[in-house]
Amino acid sequence: MIKKLRNSIYLITSLLVFFCVLTYLDELESQAVIPKSSFSPEHPTVTVLEVSSGSYQTEIEVFGEVEPRWAVTLKSQASGEVMKISPNVSPGVEVREGQPLMAIEASRYESAVANAELALDNAKVGLRQAEVKTELAHSDWNNSGMTGEPSDLALFKPQLSVAQSEVRFAEKQLQSALKTLGYTKVLAPFNGIVTERHVGLGQSVSEGDALFTLLDNQHLELQVSLDVGQWKKLDPQWQGAVVPLRNMSGESIGSATIRQGGSYLDSDTRQFKLFLEVLKNQESEVLPGEFVKVVLPGKTFENTMLIPESAMTREGMVWYLDEENRLRSYLVDDAVSKDGKLIVSVPPVDSSKSPLRVPSMSSPERSASQRAWRIATVPLASFLPGMQVSPMMETGQNTAANIDDSSDFDGGS
């Protein structure tokens, strides 16, 4: 009996302790201070670049080979032994117009000149004799008292005419002999570079033998080809324009003037041709035979923007932010490439959501009509029109102050 009573007391005591513990824990839980969360949903961050509207001129890059205006092989116009070759004439040497290159043995040509001079002297003597005969015939006729006009034969006029012709012929013969004698001294016909020498000292040459090959290094030209699409994009005022020339590394090496072209299609390539003349100055590094890149002026597009290529989706969509930092988009179907960027039309103006204006509208370099847009540089597939975002400006932004730099082609750069 006592054992049962003891067990009951233990059970009741245990239950009381358990309930006390539960009551205490419940009281602690009710008094605990739960901190309020300060977290609020954040808008997605979008990297944007501020770009300005303005006038941008496109560029058309084509390639061509620089050629000398004159590239000739000098050939001998006299026969004989090579008596002298200028020590300064060898392949790679630059020569000046009129500079002596070589001399051919000239004794027989000098003899021909002497014979021509002798023939001319004899012809002049014959002419003088014919003139004297004619004068005496006139005098005899006048002294004879005969009436009427004497005949030409009586006055020896046919003989006088023949003597005059003989003098003219002898003069031409002398001129021809002197010219042939001059061929024994070979002179540079223009300023250029000797690329090859075909004869040696003491060698016998005949008329028509090759002597030297010269390239003109003062007057350089090149021609480029444009397909129909490129031709349509060319600036209408292309004739006479000065365009930059670059080597294959993209470095500027000179400039050229567009002289003429476009009047026909090449029968082989079905392309238009432009003919340019390289401007020769101290800064020019253009060489004959060099393959160069020619940057032609394209059409100018008004009220456009210059954006990164990454800012346009494959579908041609461009995303930008309005003044409330909400995403907007528009479709571009006429983008033009320029220096690794794209020239696109500005977003259509929404009367309810006007585009962001240039911050410094009072700048004298900007007109009041210029505006700026915040363009998303890397559009995402998750973008939705009207989505609220947090813009993050990209460094090196293209603002209105950069308009002149991006379109400096108009200034002849």
Protein backbone atom coordinates (compact mmCIF):
# COMPACT_ATOMS: atom_id res chain seq x y z
CA MET A 1 0.00 0.00 0.00
CA ILE A 2 2.75 2.40 0.96
CA LYS A 3 4.66 1.49 -2.23
CA LYS A 4 1.66 2.40 -4.39
CA LEU A 5 1.22 5.71 -2.58
CA ARG A 6 4.90 6.49 -3.14
CA ASN A 7 4.67 5.78 -6.88
CA SER A 8 1.63 8.03 -7.17
CA ILE A 9 3.48 10.87 -5.48
CA TYR A 10 6.39 10.45 -7.91
CA LEU A 11 4.06 10.51 -10.89
CA ILE A 12 2.18 13.59 -9.69
CA THR A 13 5.45 15.40 -8.94
CA SER A 14 6.85 14.58 -12.39
CA LEU A 15 3.72 15.84 -14.11
CA LEU A 16 3.84 19.07 -12.09
CA VAL A 17 7.49 19.63 -13.04
CA PHE A 18 6.73 18.94 -16.73
CA PHE A 19 3.84 21.39 -16.77
CA CYS A 20 5.96 24.03 -15.03
CA VAL A 21 8.67 23.65 -17.65
CA LEU A 22 6.16 23.97 -20.49
CA THR A 23 4.67 27.07 -18.88
CA TYR A 24 8.08 28.65 -18.48
CA LEU A 25 9.09 27.97 -22.11
CA ASP A 26 5.83 29.36 -23.40
CA GLU A 27 6.35 32.53 -21.40
CA LEU A 28 9.88 32.95 -22.82
CA GLU A 29 8.61 32.51 -26.38
CA SER A 30 5.92 35.12 -25.91
CA GLN A 31 8.46 37.63 -24.59
CA ALA A 32 11.06 37.09 -27.42
CA VAL A 33 11.62 40.18 -29.64
CA ILE A 34 11.54 39.22 -33.30
CA PRO A 35 13.44 41.86 -35.35
CA LYS A 36 11.50 43.28 -38.27
CA SER A 37 13.02 42.59 -41.68
CA SER A 38 14.21 45.70 -43.44
CA PHE A 39 14.50 43.79 -46.78
CA SER A 40 12.52 45.16 -49.63
CA PRO A 41 12.52 43.72 -53.18
CA GLU A 42 15.35 45.32 -55.29
CA HIS A 43 14.96 46.15 -58.96
CA PRO A 44 17.32 44.40 -61.37
CA THR A 45 20.45 46.37 -62.24
CA VAL A 46 20.94 47.27 -65.90
CA THR A 47 24.17 48.68 -67.32
CA VAL A 48 23.40 51.65 -69.55
CA LEU A 49 25.39 54.01 -71.75
CA GLU A 50 24.24 57.56 -72.31
CA VAL A 51 24.38 58.41 -76.00
CA SER A 52 23.41 61.58 -77.80
CA SER A 53 21.57 62.21 -81.01
CA GLY A 54 23.40 63.97 -83.80
CA SER A 55 24.71 63.68 -87.34
CA TYR A 56 26.95 60.73 -88.07
CA GLN A 57 28.77 59.99 -91.31
CA THR A 58 29.46 56.43 -92.32
CA GLU A 59 32.72 55.16 -93.76
CA ILE A 60 33.29 52.62 -96.50
CA GLU A 61 36.52 50.64 -96.26
CA VAL A 62 37.94 49.24 -99.49
CA PHE A 63 41.37 48.01 -100.53
CA GLY A 64 43.68 48.77 -103.42
CA GLU A 65 47.26 48.57 -104.60
CA VAL A 66 49.30 51.75 -105.00
CA GLU A 67 50.76 51.99 -108.49
CA PRO A 68 53.18 54.50 -110.01
CA ARG A 69 51.85 56.68 -112.78
CA TRP A 70 54.87 55.72 -114.88
CA ALA A 71 56.58 52.33 -114.81
CA VAL A 72 58.78 51.93 -117.88
CA THR A 73 61.69 49.95 -119.25
CA LEU A 74 64.09 52.30 -121.01
CA LYS A 75 65.26 50.85 -124.32
CA SER A 76 68.22 51.85 -126.45
CA GLN A 77 67.53 54.05 -129.47
CA ALA A 78 71.15 53.83 -130.63
CA SER A 79 73.59 51.03 -131.35
CA GLY A 80 77.12 50.67 -130.07
CA GLU A 81 79.33 49.88 -127.11
CA VAL A 82 78.36 51.02 -123.61
CA MET A 83 81.13 53.48 -122.79
CA LYS A 84 79.96 54.77 -119.41
CA ILE A 85 77.42 53.95 -116.71
CA SER A 86 76.78 56.44 -113.94
CA PRO A 87 78.22 55.08 -110.67
CA ASN A 88 75.08 56.23 -108.84
CA VAL A 89 72.74 54.19 -111.04
CA SER A 90 71.97 50.80 -109.55
CA PRO A 91 68.77 49.01 -108.47
CA GLY A 92 67.05 50.86 -105.63
CA VAL A 93 68.70 54.23 -106.36
CA GLU A 94 66.50 57.28 -106.77
CA VAL A 95 67.22 59.39 -109.87
CA ARG A 96 66.10 62.85 -110.94
CA GLU A 97 64.62 63.88 -114.27
CA GLY A 98 67.39 64.61 -116.80
CA GLN A 99 70.08 62.82 -114.78
CA PRO A 100 72.64 61.00 -117.01
CA LEU A 101 72.38 57.22 -116.68
CA MET A 102 74.77 55.88 -119.31
CA ALA A 103 76.59 56.74 -122.57
CA ILE A 104 76.95 54.75 -125.80
CA GLU A 105 79.91 55.05 -128.20
CA ALA A 106 78.95 57.94 -130.47
CA SER A 107 81.65 58.35 -133.15
CA ARG A 108 79.53 57.16 -136.06
CA TYR A 109 76.64 59.36 -134.95
CA GLU A 110 78.98 62.33 -134.71
CA SER A 111 80.13 61.51 -138.25
CA ALA A 112 76.50 61.50 -139.40
CA VAL A 113 76.04 64.95 -137.84
CA ALA A 114 79.13 66.22 -139.65
CA ASN A 115 77.84 64.87 -142.97
CA ALA A 116 74.46 66.49 -142.34
CA GLU A 117 76.12 69.83 -141.58
CA LEU A 118 78.17 69.54 -144.80
CA ALA A 119 75.05 68.74 -146.82
CA LEU A 120 73.31 71.75 -145.32
CA ASP A 121 76.22 74.02 -146.22
CA ASN A 122 76.21 72.72 -149.82
CA ALA A 123 72.46 73.23 -150.03
CA LYS A 124 72.83 76.82 -148.81
CA VAL A 125 75.51 77.44 -151.45
CA GLY A 126 73.23 76.04 -154.13
CA LEU A 127 70.39 78.22 -152.89
CA ARG A 128 72.56 81.30 -153.05
CA GLN A 129 73.62 80.47 -156.59
CA ALA A 130 69.99 80.01 -157.63
CA GLU A 131 69.08 83.36 -156.06
CA VAL A 132 71.88 85.11 -157.96
CA LYS A 133 70.74 83.55 -161.25
CA THR A 134 67.21 84.74 -160.66
CA GLU A 135 68.39 88.28 -159.81
CA LEU A 136 70.58 88.46 -162.98
CA ALA A 137 67.72 87.16 -165.12
CA HIS A 138 65.46 89.91 -163.77
CA SER A 139 68.12 92.52 -164.52
CA ASP A 140 68.71 91.21 -168.08
CA TRP A 141 65.01 91.20 -168.81
CA ASN A 142 64.60 94.75 -167.61
CA ASN A 143 67.61 95.93 -169.65
CA SER A 144 66.46 94.19 -172.85
CA GLY A 145 63.56 96.59 -173.35
CA MET A 146 61.17 93.71 -173.97
CA THR A 147 57.57 94.21 -172.98
CA GLY A 148 55.43 91.82 -170.93
CA GLU A 149 56.23 89.59 -168.01
CA PRO A 150 59.08 87.06 -168.30
CA SER A 151 58.34 83.35 -167.80
CA ASP A 152 59.36 81.43 -164.69
CA LEU A 153 61.89 79.46 -166.69
CA ALA A 154 63.51 82.65 -167.98
CA LEU A 155 63.93 83.80 -164.38
CA PHE A 156 65.18 80.37 -163.13
CA LYS A 157 62.36 80.18 -160.55
CA PRO A 158 62.02 76.36 -160.68
CA GLN A 159 65.74 76.03 -159.94
CA LEU A 160 65.34 78.48 -157.04
CA SER A 161 62.42 76.46 -155.60
CA VAL A 162 64.45 73.25 -155.79
CA ALA A 163 67.40 74.91 -154.05
CA GLN A 164 65.12 76.12 -151.23
CA SER A 165 63.70 72.61 -150.80
CA GLU A 166 67.20 71.17 -150.65
CA VAL A 167 68.08 73.56 -147.83
CA ARG A 168 64.97 72.57 -145.85
CA PHE A 169 65.71 68.88 -146.38
CA ALA A 170 69.33 69.33 -145.25
CA GLU A 171 68.13 71.14 -142.12
CA LYS A 172 65.79 68.26 -141.27
CA GLN A 173 68.57 65.77 -141.88
CA LEU A 174 70.82 67.67 -139.49
CA GLN A 175 68.07 67.77 -136.84
CA SER A 176 67.59 64.00 -137.20
CA ALA A 177 71.34 63.35 -136.93
CA LEU A 178 71.61 65.53 -133.83
CA LYS A 179 68.63 63.78 -132.23
CA THR A 180 70.12 60.35 -132.94
CA LEU A 181 73.42 61.54 -131.51
CA GLY A 182 71.53 62.57 -128.37
CA TYR A 183 70.28 58.99 -127.98
CA THR A 184 73.83 57.94 -127.18
CA LYS A 185 73.41 59.72 -123.83
CA VAL A 186 70.65 58.02 -121.85
CA LEU A 187 68.89 60.38 -119.40
CA ALA A 188 66.24 59.73 -116.75
CA PRO A 189 62.86 60.75 -118.25
CA PHE A 190 61.29 61.49 -114.85
CA ASN A 191 61.95 61.40 -111.12
CA GLY A 192 61.87 57.81 -110.02
CA ILE A 193 63.61 54.71 -108.71
CA VAL A 194 65.79 52.37 -110.72
CA THR A 195 64.44 48.87 -110.08
CA GLU A 196 66.60 46.96 -112.56
CA ARG A 197 69.69 47.47 -114.74
CA HIS A 198 69.86 45.31 -117.86
CA VAL A 199 73.30 46.23 -119.33
CA GLY A 200 76.89 46.36 -118.19
CA LEU A 201 79.93 48.46 -119.01
CA GLY A 202 81.54 47.51 -122.36
CA GLN A 203 78.47 45.63 -123.54
CA SER A 204 77.31 46.20 -127.13
CA VAL A 205 73.68 47.20 -127.45
CA SER A 206 71.37 47.52 -130.41
CA GLU A 207 68.28 49.61 -130.95
CA GLY A 208 65.43 48.20 -128.85
CA ASP A 209 67.61 46.54 -126.20
CA ALA A 210 66.42 47.05 -122.59
CA LEU A 211 68.68 49.31 -120.51
CA PHE A 212 66.95 50.21 -117.22
CA THR A 213 63.57 49.77 -115.52
CA LEU A 214 62.27 52.86 -113.69
CA LEU A 215 59.31 53.45 -111.39
CA ASP A 216 57.81 56.89 -110.84
CA ASN A 217 57.82 57.62 -107.09
CA GLN A 218 56.46 61.16 -107.30
CA HIS A 219 53.04 60.50 -108.84
CA LEU A 220 51.25 57.56 -107.25
CA GLU A 221 47.78 56.36 -108.10
CA LEU A 222 45.40 53.62 -107.09
CA GLN A 223 41.99 52.34 -108.05
CA VAL A 224 39.40 50.66 -105.85
CA SER A 225 36.28 48.68 -106.63
CA LEU A 226 32.84 49.07 -105.02
CA ASP A 227 29.88 46.76 -105.35
CA VAL A 228 26.42 48.16 -105.98
CA GLY A 229 25.57 48.24 -102.26
CA GLN A 230 28.72 50.16 -101.38
CA TRP A 231 28.17 52.55 -104.27
CA LYS A 232 24.69 53.44 -102.99
CA LYS A 233 26.15 54.19 -99.53
CA LEU A 234 28.84 56.50 -100.95
CA ASP A 235 28.61 60.21 -100.16
CA PRO A 236 27.01 61.97 -103.17
CA GLN A 237 29.77 64.61 -102.97
CA TRP A 238 32.60 62.07 -103.31
CA GLN A 239 34.40 63.64 -106.28
CA GLY A 240 37.42 65.65 -105.15
CA ALA A 241 37.17 64.40 -101.56
CA VAL A 242 40.42 63.81 -99.66
CA VAL A 243 40.37 60.38 -98.00
CA PRO A 244 42.81 58.73 -95.53
CA LEU A 245 45.00 55.77 -96.44
CA ARG A 246 45.97 53.11 -93.91
CA ASN A 247 48.29 50.15 -93.99
CA MET A 248 47.20 46.63 -93.11
CA SER A 249 47.88 47.36 -89.42
CA GLY A 250 45.39 50.22 -89.48
CA GLU A 251 48.04 52.95 -89.17
CA SER A 252 47.58 56.15 -91.16
CA ILE A 253 50.22 56.47 -93.89
CA GLY A 254 48.88 59.26 -96.07
CA SER A 255 45.87 60.54 -98.00
CA ALA A 256 44.54 60.60 -101.53
CA THR A 257 42.14 62.59 -103.67
CA ILE A 258 39.26 60.89 -105.44
CA ARG A 259 39.84 62.01 -109.01
CA GLN A 260 37.08 60.31 -110.98
CA GLY A 261 35.19 57.07 -111.46
CA GLY A 262 31.79 55.46 -111.37
CA SER A 263 31.07 56.05 -115.04
CA TYR A 264 31.01 52.35 -115.92
CA LEU A 265 30.87 48.83 -114.49
CA ASP A 266 33.89 46.61 -114.83
CA SER A 267 33.03 43.87 -117.33
CA ASP A 268 34.74 41.17 -115.23
CA THR A 269 33.75 42.06 -111.66
CA ARG A 270 30.54 44.01 -112.38
CA GLN A 271 31.69 46.63 -109.87
CA PHE A 272 32.18 50.37 -109.95
CA LYS A 273 35.70 51.78 -109.98
CA LEU A 274 37.09 54.88 -108.33
CA PHE A 275 40.43 56.36 -109.37
CA LEU A 276 42.50 58.17 -106.73
CA GLU A 277 45.70 60.17 -106.73
CA VAL A 278 47.98 59.93 -103.70
CA LEU A 279 48.84 63.30 -102.18
CA LYS A 280 52.59 63.69 -101.94
CA ASN A 281 53.81 65.52 -98.83
CA GLN A 282 56.41 65.16 -96.12
CA GLU A 283 54.10 63.10 -93.90
CA SER A 284 53.21 60.63 -96.64
CA GLU A 285 54.62 57.12 -96.18
CA VAL A 286 52.86 55.55 -99.16
CA LEU A 287 55.13 53.47 -101.39
CA PRO A 288 54.63 52.10 -104.92
CA GLY A 289 53.30 48.56 -104.84
CA GLU A 290 51.88 48.88 -101.30
CA PHE A 291 48.48 47.34 -100.53
CA VAL A 292 46.45 49.90 -98.59
CA LYS A 293 43.06 50.36 -96.97
CA VAL A 294 41.08 53.32 -98.34
CA VAL A 295 38.45 54.94 -96.11
CA LEU A 296 35.81 56.48 -98.36
CA PRO A 297 33.17 58.96 -97.10
CA GLY A 298 29.71 57.47 -96.79
CA LYS A 299 26.35 59.11 -96.47
CA THR A 300 25.54 61.30 -93.46
CA PHE A 301 22.60 60.28 -91.28
CA GLU A 302 20.77 62.99 -89.36
CA ASN A 303 19.09 62.57 -85.95
CA THR A 304 20.82 59.27 -85.20
CA MET A 305 22.80 57.69 -82.37
CA LEU A 306 26.06 55.77 -82.15
CA ILE A 307 25.62 52.71 -79.92
CA PRO A 308 27.72 49.60 -79.12
CA GLU A 309 27.07 46.56 -81.29
CA SER A 310 26.14 44.62 -78.15
CA ALA A 311 23.22 46.99 -77.51
CA MET A 312 21.21 45.54 -80.40
CA THR A 313 19.60 42.12 -80.14
CA ARG A 314 19.63 39.59 -82.95
CA GLU A 315 16.06 40.64 -83.75
CA GLY A 316 17.19 44.26 -84.17
CA MET A 317 15.70 45.45 -80.90
CA VAL A 318 17.27 48.30 -78.90
CA TRP A 319 16.35 48.76 -75.22
CA TYR A 320 16.57 52.06 -73.35
CA LEU A 321 15.37 53.61 -70.09
CA ASP A 322 12.79 56.35 -69.75
CA GLU A 323 12.83 59.05 -67.09
CA GLU A 324 11.19 56.69 -64.58
CA ASN A 325 13.89 54.04 -65.09
CA ARG A 326 11.50 51.75 -66.90
CA LEU A 327 12.57 49.67 -69.88
CA ARG A 328 11.43 50.70 -73.33
CA SER A 329 12.33 49.19 -76.69
CA TYR A 330 12.04 49.83 -80.40
CA LEU A 331 12.93 47.96 -83.56
CA VAL A 332 15.82 49.09 -85.80
CA ASP A 333 16.02 47.77 -89.34
CA ASP A 334 18.54 50.16 -90.92
CA ALA A 335 21.59 50.03 -88.63
CA VAL A 336 24.93 50.99 -90.23
CA SER A 337 28.34 49.94 -88.89
CA LYS A 338 30.97 52.58 -88.00
CA ASP A 339 34.26 51.91 -86.18
CA GLY A 340 32.93 48.82 -84.40
CA LYS A 341 29.69 50.56 -83.40
CA LEU A 342 26.25 50.99 -84.93
CA ILE A 343 24.52 54.09 -86.25
CA VAL A 344 20.82 53.73 -85.48
CA SER A 345 17.79 55.98 -85.57
CA VAL A 346 16.72 57.55 -82.29
CA PRO A 347 13.80 56.03 -80.33
CA PRO A 348 10.37 57.24 -81.40
CA VAL A 349 9.25 60.10 -79.14
CA ASP A 350 6.40 59.15 -76.82
CA SER A 351 4.42 62.22 -75.78
CA SER A 352 3.73 60.63 -72.41
CA LYS A 353 7.30 59.45 -71.83
CA SER A 354 9.73 62.01 -73.19
CA PRO A 355 13.34 60.86 -73.66
CA LEU A 356 16.04 61.86 -71.27
CA ARG A 357 17.53 65.24 -72.10
CA VAL A 358 21.21 66.05 -72.13
CA PRO A 359 22.12 67.22 -68.60
CA SER A 360 24.08 70.28 -69.72
CA MET A 361 21.79 71.83 -72.31
CA SER A 362 23.46 75.23 -71.96
CA SER A 363 26.75 73.94 -73.39
CA PRO A 364 27.63 75.99 -76.49
CA GLU A 365 28.80 72.82 -78.25
CA ARG A 366 25.27 71.42 -78.13
CA SER A 367 22.10 72.62 -79.73
CA ALA A 368 18.81 72.68 -77.86
CA SER A 369 17.45 69.98 -80.17
CA GLN A 370 20.02 67.41 -79.08
CA ARG A 371 18.86 64.75 -76.67
CA ALA A 372 20.43 61.82 -74.88
CA TRP A 373 19.17 58.33 -74.22
CA ARG A 374 20.28 55.74 -71.72
CA ILE A 375 20.82 52.64 -73.82
CA ALA A 376 21.07 49.17 -72.28
CA THR A 377 24.47 47.91 -73.40
CA VAL A 378 23.68 44.19 -72.98
CA PRO A 379 19.95 43.44 -73.40
CA LEU A 380 18.72 40.32 -71.61
CA ALA A 381 16.02 37.88 -72.62
CA SER A 382 14.23 38.67 -69.37
CA PHE A 383 13.64 42.31 -70.34
CA LEU A 384 10.00 43.35 -70.51
CA PRO A 385 8.57 46.69 -71.61
CA GLY A 386 7.78 48.84 -68.58
CA MET A 387 9.97 46.81 -66.20
CA GLN A 388 11.35 48.90 -63.35
CA VAL A 389 15.16 48.65 -63.19
CA SER A 390 18.14 50.26 -61.46
CA PRO A 391 20.49 51.87 -64.01
CA MET A 392 24.25 51.63 -63.66
CA MET A 393 26.14 54.04 -65.91
CA GLU A 394 28.93 52.53 -67.97
CA THR A 395 32.28 54.32 -67.93
CA GLY A 396 33.50 56.00 -71.13
CA GLN A 397 29.96 57.04 -72.03
CA ASN A 398 29.23 58.71 -75.33
CA THR A 399 27.46 61.93 -74.43
CA ALA A 400 26.61 64.90 -76.57
CA ALA A 401 30.14 66.23 -76.11
CA ASN A 402 31.37 63.27 -78.13
CA ILE A 403 29.24 64.03 -81.16
CA ASP A 404 31.97 65.97 -82.94
CA ASP A 405 34.51 63.23 -82.23
CA SER A 406 32.33 60.50 -83.60
CA SER A 407 31.48 62.43 -86.71
CA ASP A 408 34.78 64.15 -87.32
CA PHE A 409 34.96 62.64 -90.80
CA ASP A 410 33.24 65.82 -91.96
CA GLY A 411 36.34 67.70 -90.96
CA GLY A 412 38.55 65.66 -93.28
CA SER A 413 40.14 63.44 -90.66
